[in-house]
C-alpha atoms as a PDB file:
ATOM      1  CA  MET A   1      89.117-103.425-161.980  1.00  0.00           C
ATOM      2  CA  LEU A   2      88.695-104.686-165.458  1.00  0.00           C
ATOM      3  CA  ARG A   3      89.744-102.450-168.565  1.00  0.00           C
ATOM      4  CA  VAL A   4      87.332-102.705-171.341  1.00  0.00           C
ATOM      5  CA  GLY A   5      87.999-101.138-174.617  1.00  0.00           C
ATOM      6  CA  THR A   6      85.079-100.204-177.008  1.00  0.00           C
ATOM      7  CA  PHE A   7      84.453 -98.914-180.509  1.00  0.00           C
ATOM      8  CA  LEU A   8      80.764 -98.534-180.523  1.00  0.00           C
ATOM      9  CA  PRO A   9      80.061 -95.416-182.472  1.00  0.00           C
ATOM     10  CA  PRO A  10      76.690 -93.858-182.692  1.00  0.00           C
ATOM     11  CA  ALA A  11      74.843 -93.431-185.895  1.00  0.00           C
ATOM     12  CA  LEU A  12      76.031 -90.268-187.776  1.00  0.00           C
ATOM     13  CA  CYS A  13      73.665 -87.464-188.453  1.00  0.00           C
ATOM     14  CA  HIS A  14      72.862 -86.834-192.298  1.00  0.00           C
ATOM     15  CA  GLY A  15      75.159 -83.819-192.488  1.00  0.00           C
ATOM     16  CA  GLY A  16      78.185 -86.002-191.513  1.00  0.00           C
ATOM     17  CA  VAL A  17      77.717 -88.907-193.720  1.00  0.00           C
ATOM     18  CA  PRO A  18      80.151 -89.689-196.556  1.00  0.00           C
ATOM     19  CA  PRO A  19      78.870 -90.012-200.176  1.00  0.00           C
ATOM     20  CA  GLY A  20      77.001 -93.224-200.584  1.00  0.00           C
ATOM     21  CA  ALA A  21      77.226 -94.183-196.942  1.00  0.00           C
ATOM     22  CA  SER A  22      74.097 -94.706-194.596  1.00  0.00           C
ATOM     23  CA  PRO A  23      73.607 -92.808-191.505  1.00  0.00           C
ATOM     24  CA  GLN A  24      72.205 -95.663-189.768  1.00  0.00           C
ATOM     25  CA  ALA A  25      73.060 -99.103-191.270  1.00  0.00           C
ATOM     26  CA  GLY A  26      75.139-101.009-188.725  1.00  0.00           C
ATOM     27  CA  ARG A  27      75.499 -98.354-186.308  1.00  0.00           C
ATOM     28  CA  ILE A  28      73.768 -97.576-182.853  1.00  0.00           C
ATOM     29  CA  PRO A  29      71.180 -94.955-182.991  1.00  0.00           C
ATOM     30  CA  ALA A  30      71.995 -91.885-181.108  1.00  0.00           C
ATOM     31  CA  ALA A  31      69.333 -92.052-178.452  1.00  0.00           C
ATOM     32  CA  ASP A  32      70.176 -95.709-177.716  1.00  0.00           C
ATOM     33  CA  HIS A  33      73.801 -94.963-177.749  1.00  0.00           C
ATOM     34  CA  ALA A  34      73.624 -92.239-175.094  1.00  0.00           C
ATOM     35  CA  LEU A  35      71.535 -94.501-172.869  1.00  0.00           C
ATOM     36  CA  LEU A  36      74.129 -97.339-173.483  1.00  0.00           C
ATOM     37  CA  MET A  37      76.990 -95.096-172.347  1.00  0.00           C
ATOM     38  CA  ASP A  38      75.045 -94.187-169.219  1.00  0.00           C
ATOM     39  CA  LEU A  39      74.345 -97.749-168.412  1.00  0.00           C
ATOM     40  CA  LEU A  40      77.911 -98.825-168.754  1.00  0.00           C
ATOM     41  CA  SER A  41      79.080 -95.919-166.653  1.00  0.00           C
ATOM     42  CA  GLY A  42      77.306 -97.552-163.677  1.00  0.00           C
ATOM     43  CA  LEU A  43      78.876-101.195-164.224  1.00  0.00           C
ATOM     44  CA  PRO A  44      81.008-101.798-161.161  1.00  0.00           C
ATOM     45  CA  ASP A  45      84.692-102.406-161.152  1.00  0.00           C
ATOM     46  CA  VAL A  46      84.980-101.742-164.758  1.00  0.00           C
ATOM     47  CA  GLU A  47      87.001 -98.898-166.453  1.00  0.00           C
ATOM     48  CA  PHE A  48      85.751 -98.337-170.089  1.00  0.00           C
ATOM     49  CA  LEU A  49      87.897 -96.847-172.546  1.00  0.00           C
ATOM     50  CA  HIS A  50      85.554 -95.633-175.420  1.00  0.00           C
ATOM     51  CA  GLY A  51      86.276 -94.431-178.788  1.00  0.00           C
ATOM     52  CA  LEU A  52      89.271 -97.030-179.504  1.00  0.00           C
ATOM     53  CA  ASP A  53      88.786 -96.887-183.238  1.00  0.00           C
ATOM     54  CA  ILE A  54      90.571-100.189-184.570  1.00  0.00           C
ATOM     55  CA  ARG A  55      90.469 -98.675-188.086  1.00  0.00           C
ATOM     56  CA  ARG A  56      92.781 -96.002-187.057  1.00  0.00           C
ATOM     57  CA  SER A  57      95.125 -98.016-184.962  1.00  0.00           C
ATOM     58  CA  ARG A  58      98.675 -99.245-185.792  1.00  0.00           C
ATOM     59  CA  ILE A  59     100.367-102.474-185.128  1.00  0.00           C
ATOM     60  CA  ARG A  60     103.832-102.518-183.742  1.00  0.00           C
ATOM     61  CA  ASP A  61     105.731-105.712-183.040  1.00  0.00           C
ATOM     62  CA  GLY A  62     102.388-107.503-183.191  1.00  0.00           C
ATOM     63  CA  ARG A  63     100.720-105.118-180.762  1.00  0.00           C
ATOM     64  CA  VAL A  64      97.707-102.928-181.617  1.00  0.00           C
ATOM     65  CA  HIS A  65      97.867 -99.397-180.491  1.00  0.00           C
ATOM     66  CA  CYS A  66      95.191 -96.743-180.509  1.00  0.00           C
ATOM     67  CA  GLY A  67      96.757 -93.418-179.859  1.00  0.00           C
ATOM     68  CA  GLU A  68      98.677 -94.061-176.433  1.00  0.00           C
ATOM     69  CA  VAL A  69      96.458 -97.087-175.614  1.00  0.00           C
ATOM     70  CA  CYS A  70      97.979-100.478-176.102  1.00  0.00           C
ATOM     71  CA  LEU A  71      94.879-102.576-176.731  1.00  0.00           C
ATOM     72  CA  HIS A  72      96.782-105.665-175.632  1.00  0.00           C
ATOM     73  CA  ASP A  73      96.760-104.389-172.188  1.00  0.00           C
ATOM     74  CA  LEU A  74      92.860-104.570-172.013  1.00  0.00           C
ATOM     75  CA  ASP A  75      90.725-107.332-170.704  1.00  0.00           C
ATOM     76  CA  LEU A  76      88.117-107.231-173.424  1.00  0.00           C
ATOM     77  CA  TYR A  77      87.398-105.254-176.620  1.00  0.00           C
ATOM     78  CA  LEU A  78      84.053-104.725-178.109  1.00  0.00           C
ATOM     79  CA  TRP A  79      83.193-103.311-181.390  1.00  0.00           C
ATOM     80  CA  HIS A  80      80.410-102.663-183.770  1.00  0.00           C
ATOM     81  CA  ALA A  81      80.956-100.525-186.650  1.00  0.00           C
ATOM     82  CA  GLN A  82      81.127-100.386-190.404  1.00  0.00           C
ATOM     83  CA  ILE A  83      84.509-101.635-191.672  1.00  0.00           C
ATOM     84  CA  ALA A  84      86.115-102.373-195.124  1.00  0.00           C
ATOM     85  CA  ARG A  85      84.748-105.682-196.406  1.00  0.00           C
ATOM     86  CA  ASP A  86      88.094-106.838-197.631  1.00  0.00           C
ATOM     87  CA  PRO A  87      89.137-109.756-195.350  1.00  0.00           C
ATOM     88  CA  GLY A  88      92.959-109.125-196.199  1.00  0.00           C
ATOM     89  CA  GLY A  89      92.445-105.343-195.201  1.00  0.00           C
ATOM     90  CA  TYR A  90      94.097-103.633-192.307  1.00  0.00           C
ATOM     91  CA  THR A  91      91.140-103.536-189.889  1.00  0.00           C
ATOM     92  CA  HIS A  92      90.499-107.258-190.065  1.00  0.00           C
ATOM     93  CA  GLU A  93      94.219-107.891-189.710  1.00  0.00           C
ATOM     94  CA  ALA A  94      94.412-105.589-186.515  1.00  0.00           C
ATOM     95  CA  LEU A  95      91.279-107.472-184.908  1.00  0.00           C
ATOM     96  CA  ARG A  96      92.800-110.736-185.624  1.00  0.00           C
ATOM     97  CA  THR A  97      96.127-109.458-184.002  1.00  0.00           C
ATOM     98  CA  LEU A  98      94.475-108.236-180.914  1.00  0.00           C
ATOM     99  CA  GLY A  99      92.394-111.542-180.742  1.00  0.00           C
ATOM    100  CA  LEU A 100      95.414-113.491-180.125  1.00  0.00           C
ATOM    101  CA  ASP A 101      95.891-111.977-176.527  1.00  0.00           C
ATOM    102  CA  VAL A 102      92.443-110.346-175.824  1.00  0.00           C
ATOM    103  CA  PRO A 103      88.875-111.544-176.035  1.00  0.00           C
ATOM    104  CA  VAL A 104      87.406-109.375-178.951  1.00  0.00           C
ATOM    105  CA  GLU A 105      83.743-109.422-179.570  1.00  0.00           C
ATOM    106  CA  PRO A 106      82.416-109.992-182.089  1.00  0.00           C
ATOM    107  CA  ASP A 107      85.241-112.279-182.780  1.00  0.00           C
ATOM    108  CA  PRO A 108      87.094-111.378-185.971  1.00  0.00           C
ATOM    109  CA  GLU A 109      86.975-114.835-187.549  1.00  0.00           C
ATOM    110  CA  ARG A 110      83.546-115.552-186.937  1.00  0.00           C
ATOM    111  CA  PHE A 111      82.582-112.017-188.175  1.00  0.00           C
ATOM    112  CA  ALA A 112      84.868-112.643-191.268  1.00  0.00           C
ATOM    113  CA  THR A 113      82.653-115.820-192.054  1.00  0.00           C
ATOM    114  CA  GLY A 114      79.441-113.912-191.640  1.00  0.00           C
ATOM    115  CA  LEU A 115      80.363-111.506-193.927  1.00  0.00           C
ATOM    116  CA  ASP A 116      81.217-113.800-196.635  1.00  0.00           C
ATOM    117  CA  LYS A 117      78.225-115.110-198.318  1.00  0.00           C
ATOM    118  CA  TYR A 118      79.812-118.346-199.461  1.00  0.00           C
ATOM    119  CA  ARG A 119      81.444-119.095-196.023  1.00  0.00           C
ATOM    120  CA  ALA A 120      78.375-118.133-194.264  1.00  0.00           C
ATOM    121  CA  HIS A 121      76.089-120.335-196.327  1.00  0.00           C
ATOM    122  CA  LEU A 122      78.604-123.236-195.903  1.00  0.00           C
ATOM    123  CA  ALA A 123      78.722-123.002-192.252  1.00  0.00           C
ATOM    124  CA  LEU A 124      74.901-123.177-192.076  1.00  0.00           C
ATOM    125  CA  SER A 125      74.642-125.841-194.539  1.00  0.00           C
ATOM    126  CA  ARG A 126      77.183-128.031-192.720  1.00  0.00           C
ATOM    127  CA  ALA A 127      75.110-127.546-189.647  1.00  0.00           C
ATOM    128  CA  GLY A 128      72.115-128.946-191.445  1.00  0.00           C
ATOM    129  CA  LEU A 129      70.185-125.611-191.856  1.00  0.00           C
ATOM    130  CA  PRO A 130      68.317-124.830-195.348  1.00  0.00           C
ATOM    131  CA  VAL A 131      70.235-122.328-197.542  1.00  0.00           C
ATOM    132  CA  PRO A 132      70.246-122.203-201.249  1.00  0.00           C
ATOM    133  CA  ASP A 133      72.353-124.525-203.102  1.00  0.00           C
ATOM    134  CA  THR A 134      75.668-122.840-204.470  1.00  0.00           C
ATOM    135  CA  VAL A 135      78.608-123.360-206.523  1.00  0.00           C
ATOM    136  CA  LEU A 136      81.906-121.500-206.247  1.00  0.00           C
ATOM    137  CA  VAL A 137      84.340-121.365-209.238  1.00  0.00           C
ATOM    138  CA  GLY A 138      87.538-119.619-209.983  1.00  0.00           C
ATOM    139  CA  HIS A 139      87.280-116.329-212.037  1.00  0.00           C
ATOM    140  CA  HIS A 140      89.600-117.965-214.569  1.00  0.00           C
ATOM    141  CA  ASN A 141      87.875-121.302-214.504  1.00  0.00           C
ATOM    142  CA  THR A 142      84.516-120.058-215.471  1.00  0.00           C
ATOM    143  CA  GLU A 143      83.635-123.289-217.681  1.00  0.00           C
ATOM    144  CA  ALA A 144      83.473-125.411-214.396  1.00  0.00           C
ATOM    145  CA  ALA A 145      80.072-123.662-213.873  1.00  0.00           C
ATOM    146  CA  ALA A 146      78.549-124.551-217.172  1.00  0.00           C
ATOM    147  CA  PRO A 147      77.191-128.183-216.344  1.00  0.00           C
ATOM    148  CA  VAL A 148      75.644-126.664-213.305  1.00  0.00           C
ATOM    149  CA  LEU A 149      73.930-123.941-214.967  1.00  0.00           C
ATOM    150  CA  ALA A 150      72.807-126.553-217.556  1.00  0.00           C
ATOM    151  CA  GLU A 151      71.279-128.344-214.737  1.00  0.00           C
ATOM    152  CA  TRP A 152      69.805-125.249-212.738  1.00  0.00           C
ATOM    153  CA  GLY A 153      68.689-123.414-215.850  1.00  0.00           C
ATOM    154  CA  ARG A 154      69.598-120.064-214.321  1.00  0.00           C
ATOM    155  CA  ALA A 155      71.177-118.722-211.121  1.00  0.00           C
ATOM    156  CA  LEU A 156      71.776-115.622-209.129  1.00  0.00           C
ATOM    157  CA  LEU A 157      75.436-114.348-209.414  1.00  0.00           C
ATOM    158  CA  LYS A 158      76.342-112.640-205.870  1.00  0.00           C
ATOM    159  CA  PRO A 159      79.352-110.613-204.674  1.00  0.00           C
ATOM    160  CA  ARG A 160      80.624-112.709-201.723  1.00  0.00           C
ATOM    161  CA  ARG A 161      80.757-109.824-199.417  1.00  0.00           C
ATOM    162  CA  GLY A 162      78.033-107.573-200.993  1.00  0.00           C
ATOM    163  CA  SER A 163      75.070-105.862-199.267  1.00  0.00           C
ATOM    164  CA  TYR A 164      71.717-104.413-199.995  1.00  0.00           C
ATOM    165  CA  GLY A 165      71.183-106.261-203.179  1.00  0.00           C
ATOM    166  CA  GLN A 166      73.943-104.286-205.035  1.00  0.00           C
ATOM    167  CA  GLY A 167      75.581-106.400-207.795  1.00  0.00           C
ATOM    168  CA  VAL A 168      73.357-109.386-207.549  1.00  0.00           C
ATOM    169  CA  LEU A 169      72.584-110.397-211.173  1.00  0.00           C
ATOM    170  CA  LEU A 170      70.395-112.957-212.826  1.00  0.00           C
ATOM    171  CA  VAL A 171      72.312-115.355-215.088  1.00  0.00           C
ATOM    172  CA  GLU A 172      70.145-117.311-217.394  1.00  0.00           C
ATOM    173  CA  ASP A 173      72.876-119.162-219.344  1.00  0.00           C
ATOM    174  CA  PHE A 174      76.438-119.978-219.334  1.00  0.00           C
ATOM    175  CA  ALA A 175      77.167-117.503-222.305  1.00  0.00           C
ATOM    176  CA  THR A 176      76.132-114.633-220.238  1.00  0.00           C
ATOM    177  CA  LEU A 177      78.483-115.754-217.410  1.00  0.00           C
ATOM    178  CA  ARG A 178      81.333-116.260-219.665  1.00  0.00           C
ATOM    179  CA  ASP A 179      80.945-112.849-221.532  1.00  0.00           C
ATOM    180  CA  LEU A 180      80.488-111.124-217.976  1.00  0.00           C
ATOM    181  CA  VAL A 181      83.715-112.446-216.759  1.00  0.00           C
ATOM    182  CA  GLY A 182      85.337-111.533-219.903  1.00  0.00           C
ATOM    183  CA  PHE A 183      84.138-107.957-219.391  1.00  0.00           C
ATOM    184  CA  LEU A 184      85.348-107.867-215.931  1.00  0.00           C
ATOM    185  CA  ASP A 185      88.869-109.130-217.120  1.00  0.00           C
ATOM    186  CA  GLN A 186      89.127-106.355-219.389  1.00  0.00           C
ATOM    187  CA  THR A 187      88.108-103.562-217.280  1.00  0.00           C
ATOM    188  CA  VAL A 188      88.201-104.199-213.417  1.00  0.00           C
ATOM    189  CA  ALA A 189      89.755-107.458-212.885  1.00  0.00           C
ATOM    190  CA  ALA A 190      92.261-106.036-210.506  1.00  0.00           C
ATOM    191  CA  ARG A 191      89.234-105.307-208.046  1.00  0.00           C
ATOM    192  CA  THR A 192      87.671-108.834-208.121  1.00  0.00           C
ATOM    193  CA  ASP A 193      88.454-111.326-205.358  1.00  0.00           C
ATOM    194  CA  GLY A 194      89.111-114.207-208.090  1.00  0.00           C
ATOM    195  CA  THR A 195      85.818-116.143-207.401  1.00  0.00           C
ATOM    196  CA  LEU A 196      82.380-116.300-208.665  1.00  0.00           C
ATOM    197  CA  LEU A 197      79.517-117.265-206.424  1.00  0.00           C
ATOM    198  CA  LEU A 198      76.369-118.645-208.009  1.00  0.00           C
ATOM    199  CA  GLU A 199      73.278-119.294-206.050  1.00  0.00           C
ATOM    200  CA  ARG A 200      70.194-121.597-207.125  1.00  0.00           C
ATOM    201  CA  ILE A 201      67.131-119.630-207.326  1.00  0.00           C
ATOM    202  CA  CYS A 202      64.580-120.957-204.665  1.00  0.00           C
ATOM    203  CA  PRO A 203      61.098-120.761-206.106  1.00  0.00           C
ATOM    204  CA  SER A 204      58.879-118.394-203.982  1.00  0.00           C
ATOM    205  CA  GLY A 205      55.949-116.108-204.166  1.00  0.00           C
ATOM    206  CA  GLY A 206      57.899-112.992-204.337  1.00  0.00           C
ATOM    207  CA  PRO A 207      58.202-110.256-201.797  1.00  0.00           C
ATOM    208  CA  ALA A 208      55.209-111.535-199.782  1.00  0.00           C
ATOM    209  CA  ASP A 209      57.419-114.551-198.933  1.00  0.00           C
ATOM    210  CA  TRP A 210      60.361-112.464-197.688  1.00  0.00           C
ATOM    211  CA  LEU A 211      61.148-111.912-193.953  1.00  0.00           C
ATOM    212  CA  GLY A 212      63.892-110.154-192.299  1.00  0.00           C
ATOM    213  CA  THR A 213      64.965-110.845-188.741  1.00  0.00           C
ATOM    214  CA  THR A 214      67.371-109.179-186.168  1.00  0.00           C
ATOM    215  CA  LEU A 215      68.970-111.135-183.297  1.00  0.00           C
ATOM    216  CA  LEU A 216      71.128-110.184-180.389  1.00  0.00           C
ATOM    217  CA  ASP A 217      73.059-112.213-177.749  1.00  0.00           C
ATOM    218  CA  GLY A 218      70.754-115.295-178.659  1.00  0.00           C
ATOM    219  CA  SER A 219      67.413-113.787-178.670  1.00  0.00           C
ATOM    220  CA  LEU A 220      65.295-112.855-181.616  1.00  0.00           C
ATOM    221  CA  MET A 221      64.573-109.104-181.194  1.00  0.00           C
ATOM    222  CA  TYR A 222      61.823-108.926-183.920  1.00  0.00           C
ATOM    223  CA  GLY A 223      60.898-109.767-187.529  1.00  0.00           C
ATOM    224  CA  TYR A 224      60.082-107.306-190.360  1.00  0.00           C
ATOM    225  CA  ARG A 225      59.122-106.959-193.835  1.00  0.00           C
ATOM    226  CA  LYS A 226      60.465-104.432-196.360  1.00  0.00           C
ATOM    227  CA  ARG A 227      57.963-102.102-198.308  1.00  0.00           C
ATOM    228  CA  GLY A 228      57.300-102.869-202.090  1.00  0.00           C
ATOM    229  CA  HIS A 229      59.546-100.335-203.368  1.00  0.00           C
ATOM    230  CA  ARG A 230      62.653-101.915-201.724  1.00  0.00           C
ATOM    231  CA  PHE A 231      62.356-104.796-204.161  1.00  0.00           C
ATOM    232  CA  THR A 232      63.266-104.914-207.759  1.00  0.00           C
ATOM    233  CA  ARG A 233      62.225-107.521-210.410  1.00  0.00           C
ATOM    234  CA  LEU A 234      64.858-109.535-212.073  1.00  0.00           C
ATOM    235  CA  SER A 235      62.474-111.543-214.270  1.00  0.00           C
ATOM    236  CA  ALA A 236      58.908-112.268-214.210  1.00  0.00           C
ATOM    237  CA  ASP A 237      59.387-114.572-211.295  1.00  0.00           C
ATOM    238  CA  VAL A 238      62.569-113.444-209.578  1.00  0.00           C
ATOM    239  CA  TRP A 239      62.854-110.546-207.155  1.00  0.00           C
ATOM    240  CA  LYS A 240      65.614-109.308-205.161  1.00  0.00           C
ATOM    241  CA  VAL A 241      65.863-106.776-202.185  1.00  0.00           C
ATOM    242  CA  TYR A 242      67.589-103.583-203.817  1.00  0.00           C
ATOM    243  CA  ASP A 243      68.744-100.502-201.888  1.00  0.00           C
ATOM    244  CA  PRO A 244      71.264 -98.593-204.283  1.00  0.00           C
ATOM    245  CA  ARG A 245      71.979 -95.996-201.646  1.00  0.00           C
ATOM    246  CA  GLY A 246      72.305 -98.510-198.746  1.00  0.00           C
ATOM    247  CA  ALA A 247      69.880 -96.260-196.685  1.00  0.00           C
ATOM    248  CA  GLY A 248      67.923 -99.324-195.026  1.00  0.00           C
ATOM    249  CA  GLY A 249      64.716 -98.493-193.547  1.00  0.00           C
ATOM    250  CA  ASP A 250      61.258 -98.735-195.168  1.00  0.00           C
ATOM    251  CA  VAL A 251      60.267-101.666-193.038  1.00  0.00           C
ATOM    252  CA  ASP A 252      57.260-102.788-191.062  1.00  0.00           C
ATOM    253  CA  GLY A 253      57.456-105.108-187.978  1.00  0.00           C
ATOM    254  CA  CYS A 254      55.830-108.488-188.199  1.00  0.00           C
ATOM    255  CA  GLU A 255      55.335-111.707-186.310  1.00  0.00           C
ATOM    256  CA  VAL A 256      58.066-114.465-186.958  1.00  0.00           C
ATOM    257  CA  PRO A 257      56.429-117.813-187.494  1.00  0.00           C
ATOM    258  CA  ALA A 258      57.963-120.573-184.901  1.00  0.00           C
ATOM    259  CA  ALA A 259      59.729-122.548-187.530  1.00  0.00           C
ATOM    260  CA  GLN A 260      61.462-119.349-188.895  1.00  0.00           C
ATOM    261  CA  ALA A 261      62.263-118.207-185.251  1.00  0.00           C
ATOM    262  CA  ARG A 262      63.740-121.641-184.371  1.00  0.00           C
ATOM    263  CA  LEU A 263      65.775-121.565-187.607  1.00  0.00           C
ATOM    264  CA  VAL A 264      67.371-118.162-187.142  1.00  0.00           C
ATOM    265  CA  ARG A 265      68.227-118.807-183.546  1.00  0.00           C
ATOM    266  CA  LEU A 266      70.067-121.953-184.582  1.00  0.00           C
ATOM    267  CA  ALA A 267      71.664-119.936-187.382  1.00  0.00           C
ATOM    268  CA  GLN A 268      73.023-117.405-184.823  1.00  0.00           C
ATOM    269  CA  ARG A 269      74.439-120.197-182.574  1.00  0.00           C
ATOM    270  CA  VAL A 270      76.279-121.583-185.658  1.00  0.00           C
ATOM    271  CA  LEU A 271      77.795-118.304-186.740  1.00  0.00           C
ATOM    272  CA  GLY A 272      78.446-117.455-183.033  1.00  0.00           C
ATOM    273  CA  LEU A 273      77.885-113.620-183.710  1.00  0.00           C
ATOM    274  CA  PRO A 274      76.414-111.557-181.031  1.00  0.00           C
ATOM    275  CA  LEU A 275      74.446-109.081-183.236  1.00  0.00           C
ATOM    276  CA  VAL A 276      73.469-110.650-186.635  1.00  0.00           C
ATOM    277  CA  GLY A 277      70.266-110.859-188.921  1.00  0.00           C
ATOM    278  CA  PHE A 278      69.015-113.337-191.311  1.00  0.00           C
ATOM    279  CA  ASP A 279      66.727-112.847-194.353  1.00  0.00           C
ATOM    280  CA  LEU A 280      64.496-115.723-195.104  1.00  0.00           C
ATOM    281  CA  ILE A 281      61.809-116.787-197.772  1.00  0.00           C
ATOM    282  CA  VAL A 282      59.489-119.523-197.771  1.00  0.00           C
ATOM    283  CA  SER A 283      60.066-121.829-200.981  1.00  0.00           C
ATOM    284  CA  GLU A 284      58.064-124.723-201.655  1.00  0.00           C
ATOM    285  CA  GLY A 285      56.476-124.763-198.284  1.00  0.00           C
ATOM    286  CA  ARG A 286      59.549-124.555-196.008  1.00  0.00           C
ATOM    287  CA  PRO A 287      61.731-121.556-194.801  1.00  0.00           C
ATOM    288  CA  VAL A 288      65.219-121.052-196.367  1.00  0.00           C
ATOM    289  CA  ILE A 289      67.871-118.547-195.157  1.00  0.00           C
ATOM    290  CA  VAL A 290      68.984-116.552-198.249  1.00  0.00           C
ATOM    291  CA  ASP A 291      71.157-113.926-196.527  1.00  0.00           C
ATOM    292  CA  GLU A 292      73.272-113.368-193.454  1.00  0.00           C
ATOM    293  CA  ASN A 293      73.618-109.749-192.237  1.00  0.00           C
ATOM    294  CA  THR A 294      76.565-108.798-189.991  1.00  0.00           C
ATOM    295  CA  PHE A 295      75.167-105.212-189.766  1.00  0.00           C
ATOM    296  CA  PRO A 296      71.296-106.049-189.400  1.00  0.00           C
ATOM    297  CA  GLY A 297      68.693-103.382-189.154  1.00  0.00           C
ATOM    298  CA  LEU A 298      68.592-101.553-185.821  1.00  0.00           C
ATOM    299  CA  TYR A 299      65.226 -99.868-185.736  1.00  0.00           C
ATOM    300  CA  PRO A 300      64.027 -98.234-182.497  1.00  0.00           C
ATOM    301  CA  ASP A 301      60.491 -98.325-183.278  1.00  0.00           C
ATOM    302  CA  LEU A 302      60.699-102.049-183.912  1.00  0.00           C
ATOM    303  CA  PHE A 303      62.400-102.530-180.673  1.00  0.00           C
ATOM    304  CA  ALA A 304      59.825-100.362-178.925  1.00  0.00           C
ATOM    305  CA  ALA A 305      56.949-102.430-180.766  1.00  0.00           C
ATOM    306  CA  ALA A 306      58.522-105.743-179.350  1.00  0.00           C
ATOM    307  CA  GLY A 307      58.835-104.175-175.857  1.00  0.00           C
ATOM    308  CA  ARG A 308      62.541-103.960-175.848  1.00  0.00           C
ATOM    309  CA  SER A 309      65.358-101.492-175.797  1.00  0.00           C
ATOM    310  CA  LEU A 310      68.359-101.767-177.882  1.00  0.00           C
ATOM    311  CA  ALA A 311      70.494-100.009-175.421  1.00  0.00           C
ATOM    312  CA  ARG A 312      69.282-102.275-172.626  1.00  0.00           C
ATOM    313  CA  GLU A 313      69.830-105.287-174.702  1.00  0.00           C
ATOM    314  CA  LEU A 314      73.279-104.300-175.543  1.00  0.00           C
ATOM    315  CA  PHE A 315      74.145-103.555-171.958  1.00  0.00           C
ATOM    316  CA  ALA A 316      72.859-107.014-170.907  1.00  0.00           C
ATOM    317  CA  TRP A 317      75.248-108.542-173.534  1.00  0.00           C
ATOM    318  CA  VAL A 318      78.273-106.424-172.187  1.00  0.00           C
ATOM    319  CA  GLU A 319      77.353-107.195-168.580  1.00  0.00           C
ATOM    320  CA  GLY A 320      77.457-111.057-169.510  1.00  0.00           C
ATOM    321  CA  LEU A 321      80.942-110.799-171.393  1.00  0.00           C
ATOM    322  CA  VAL A 322      82.153-108.943-168.290  1.00  0.00           C
ATOM    323  CA  GLY A 323      80.984-111.684-166.040  1.00  0.00           C
ATOM    324  CA  GLU A 324      82.761-114.373-168.359  1.00  0.00           C
ATOM    325  CA  VAL A 325      85.932-112.530-168.199  1.00  0.00           C
ATOM    326  CA  ARG A 326      85.815-112.386-164.540  1.00  0.00           C
ATOM    327  CA  GLY A 327      85.341-115.958-164.389  1.00  0.00           C
ATOM    328  CA  SER A 328      81.917-116.118-162.863  1.00  0.00           C
ATOM    329  CA  ARG A 329      80.157-117.594-165.680  1.00  0.00           C
ATOM    330  CA  PRO A 330      76.746-117.966-163.824  1.00  0.00           C
ATOM    331  CA  GLY A 331      75.267-120.031-166.810  1.00  0.00           C
ATOM    332  CA  ARG A 332      75.691-120.971-170.344  1.00  0.00           C
ATOM    333  CA  PRO A 333      78.129-118.834-172.292  1.00  0.00           C
ATOM    334  CA  ARG A 334      76.342-116.017-173.863  1.00  0.00           C
ATOM    335  CA  THR A 335      76.006-116.272-177.758  1.00  0.00           C
ATOM    336  CA  ARG A 336      78.147-119.463-177.819  1.00  0.00           C
ATOM    337  CA  ARG A 337      76.941-122.631-179.707  1.00  0.00           C
ATOM    338  CA  ASP A 338      74.708-125.164-177.913  1.00  0.00           C
ATOM    339  CA  PRO A 339      75.743-128.707-177.700  1.00  0.00           C
ATOM    340  CA  GLY A 340      75.098-130.494-180.960  1.00  0.00           C
ATOM    341  CA  VAL A 341      75.490-127.339-182.967  1.00  0.00           C
ATOM    342  CA  PRO A 342      78.827-127.693-185.143  1.00  0.00           C
ATOM    343  CA  ALA A 343      81.347-124.873-184.400  1.00  0.00           C
ATOM    344  CA  LEU A 344      83.466-122.856-186.639  1.00  0.00           C
ATOM    345  CA  ALA A 345      87.237-123.055-186.208  1.00  0.00           C
ATOM    346  CA  PRO A 346      87.968-121.168-182.831  1.00  0.00           C
ATOM    347  CA  ALA A 347      90.084-118.135-183.057  1.00  0.00           C
ATOM    348  CA  ALA A 348      93.774-118.896-182.438  1.00  0.00           C
ATOM    349  CA  GLY A 349      95.124-118.039-179.009  1.00  0.00           C
ATOM    350  CA  ARG A 350      91.618-117.031-177.740  1.00  0.00           C
ATOM    351  CA  ALA A 351      92.607-118.420-174.249  1.00  0.00           C
ATOM    352  CA  VAL A 352      95.562-116.217-173.757  1.00  0.00           C
ATOM    353  CA  ARG A 353      94.864-113.492-171.137  1.00  0.00           C
ATOM    354  CA  ALA A 354      95.257-109.870-171.807  1.00  0.00           C
ATOM    355  CA  GLY A 355      98.572-108.275-171.075  1.00  0.00           C
ATOM    356  CA  SER A 356     100.328-111.456-171.436  1.00  0.00           C
ATOM    357  CA  GLY A 357     103.901-111.620-172.672  1.00  0.00           C
ATOM    358  CA  ARG A 358     106.026-108.674-173.369  1.00  0.00           C
ATOM    359  CA  ARG A 359     105.080-105.188-172.343  1.00  0.00           C
ATOM    360  CA  CYS A 360     103.705-102.800-175.175  1.00  0.00           C
ATOM    361  CA  THR A 361     106.108-100.350-176.852  1.00  0.00           C
ATOM    362  CA  PRO A 362     104.188 -97.099-177.957  1.00  0.00           C
END
């Protein structure tokens, strides 16, 4: 009997949403969640411990506890929930600590890479996949960006762990960047991460050239386009997706051209995340990945239109992971990289079995 812990909360109803939070983004729709729980209950020889909220755990002597449950006694831990984006925050630390002894999916190190626009772009670029050119400079070394801006003419300044287009600025000269950093130093410097990420603008035809995708366990679920009011103009020829409330939605399903489909499948293998989305544009005749989404849109109507069920796709993913933990491995490991695709650094201690070492102390 395997013991599998989960934190897979359903989407909240509108009445229970904190101010500024989305009831849907990054969480499983209620109907799919109910079906998933029912399917998991029928998986033989597996004891599921649901609702183990890693955000509300405690770490004692290097062991993670949720209430009376020591997570290091599990055989597998699965999670998909909105967490703080600060990589040095408690939740990331708890996931990393648990991952020393227990397989954690999504892997916390890979998730942290996918969450960080600089590190995610870097991983894809090193694998030979097309992403915009970037430059990263220290917050107090702004002048190092001057020659790059002189070469590019202008750039997008992006929060490394931002979302929904919030905080993305068009910088058209070095003086603007210099004065913006000076403003931040005098006001909210304590909240910055100490770096500035500039991204070169890829010429495109605007919103018509934008395409979103959602992938799960190595398969492309669907493609979609956002409706016009989800875009805002930064200049005469530069647009961005902008969702000030982080509400998501307002999308229409669409076909994904073969070149884009192949590209996002390769990108998922590089990042090694089971559930991920990629935003693409067509620039000068070729597709370019402009954003990586660790909390992609989960739209029941688009799953249905694609002849799929989110709940059943998630169940198949969990079933495959359980098979790996049991050692059956009936085929290629699920959501792992293919030969020839560069890997990210593996999580430390991943091969250690659950429950190894000393016993937990509550």
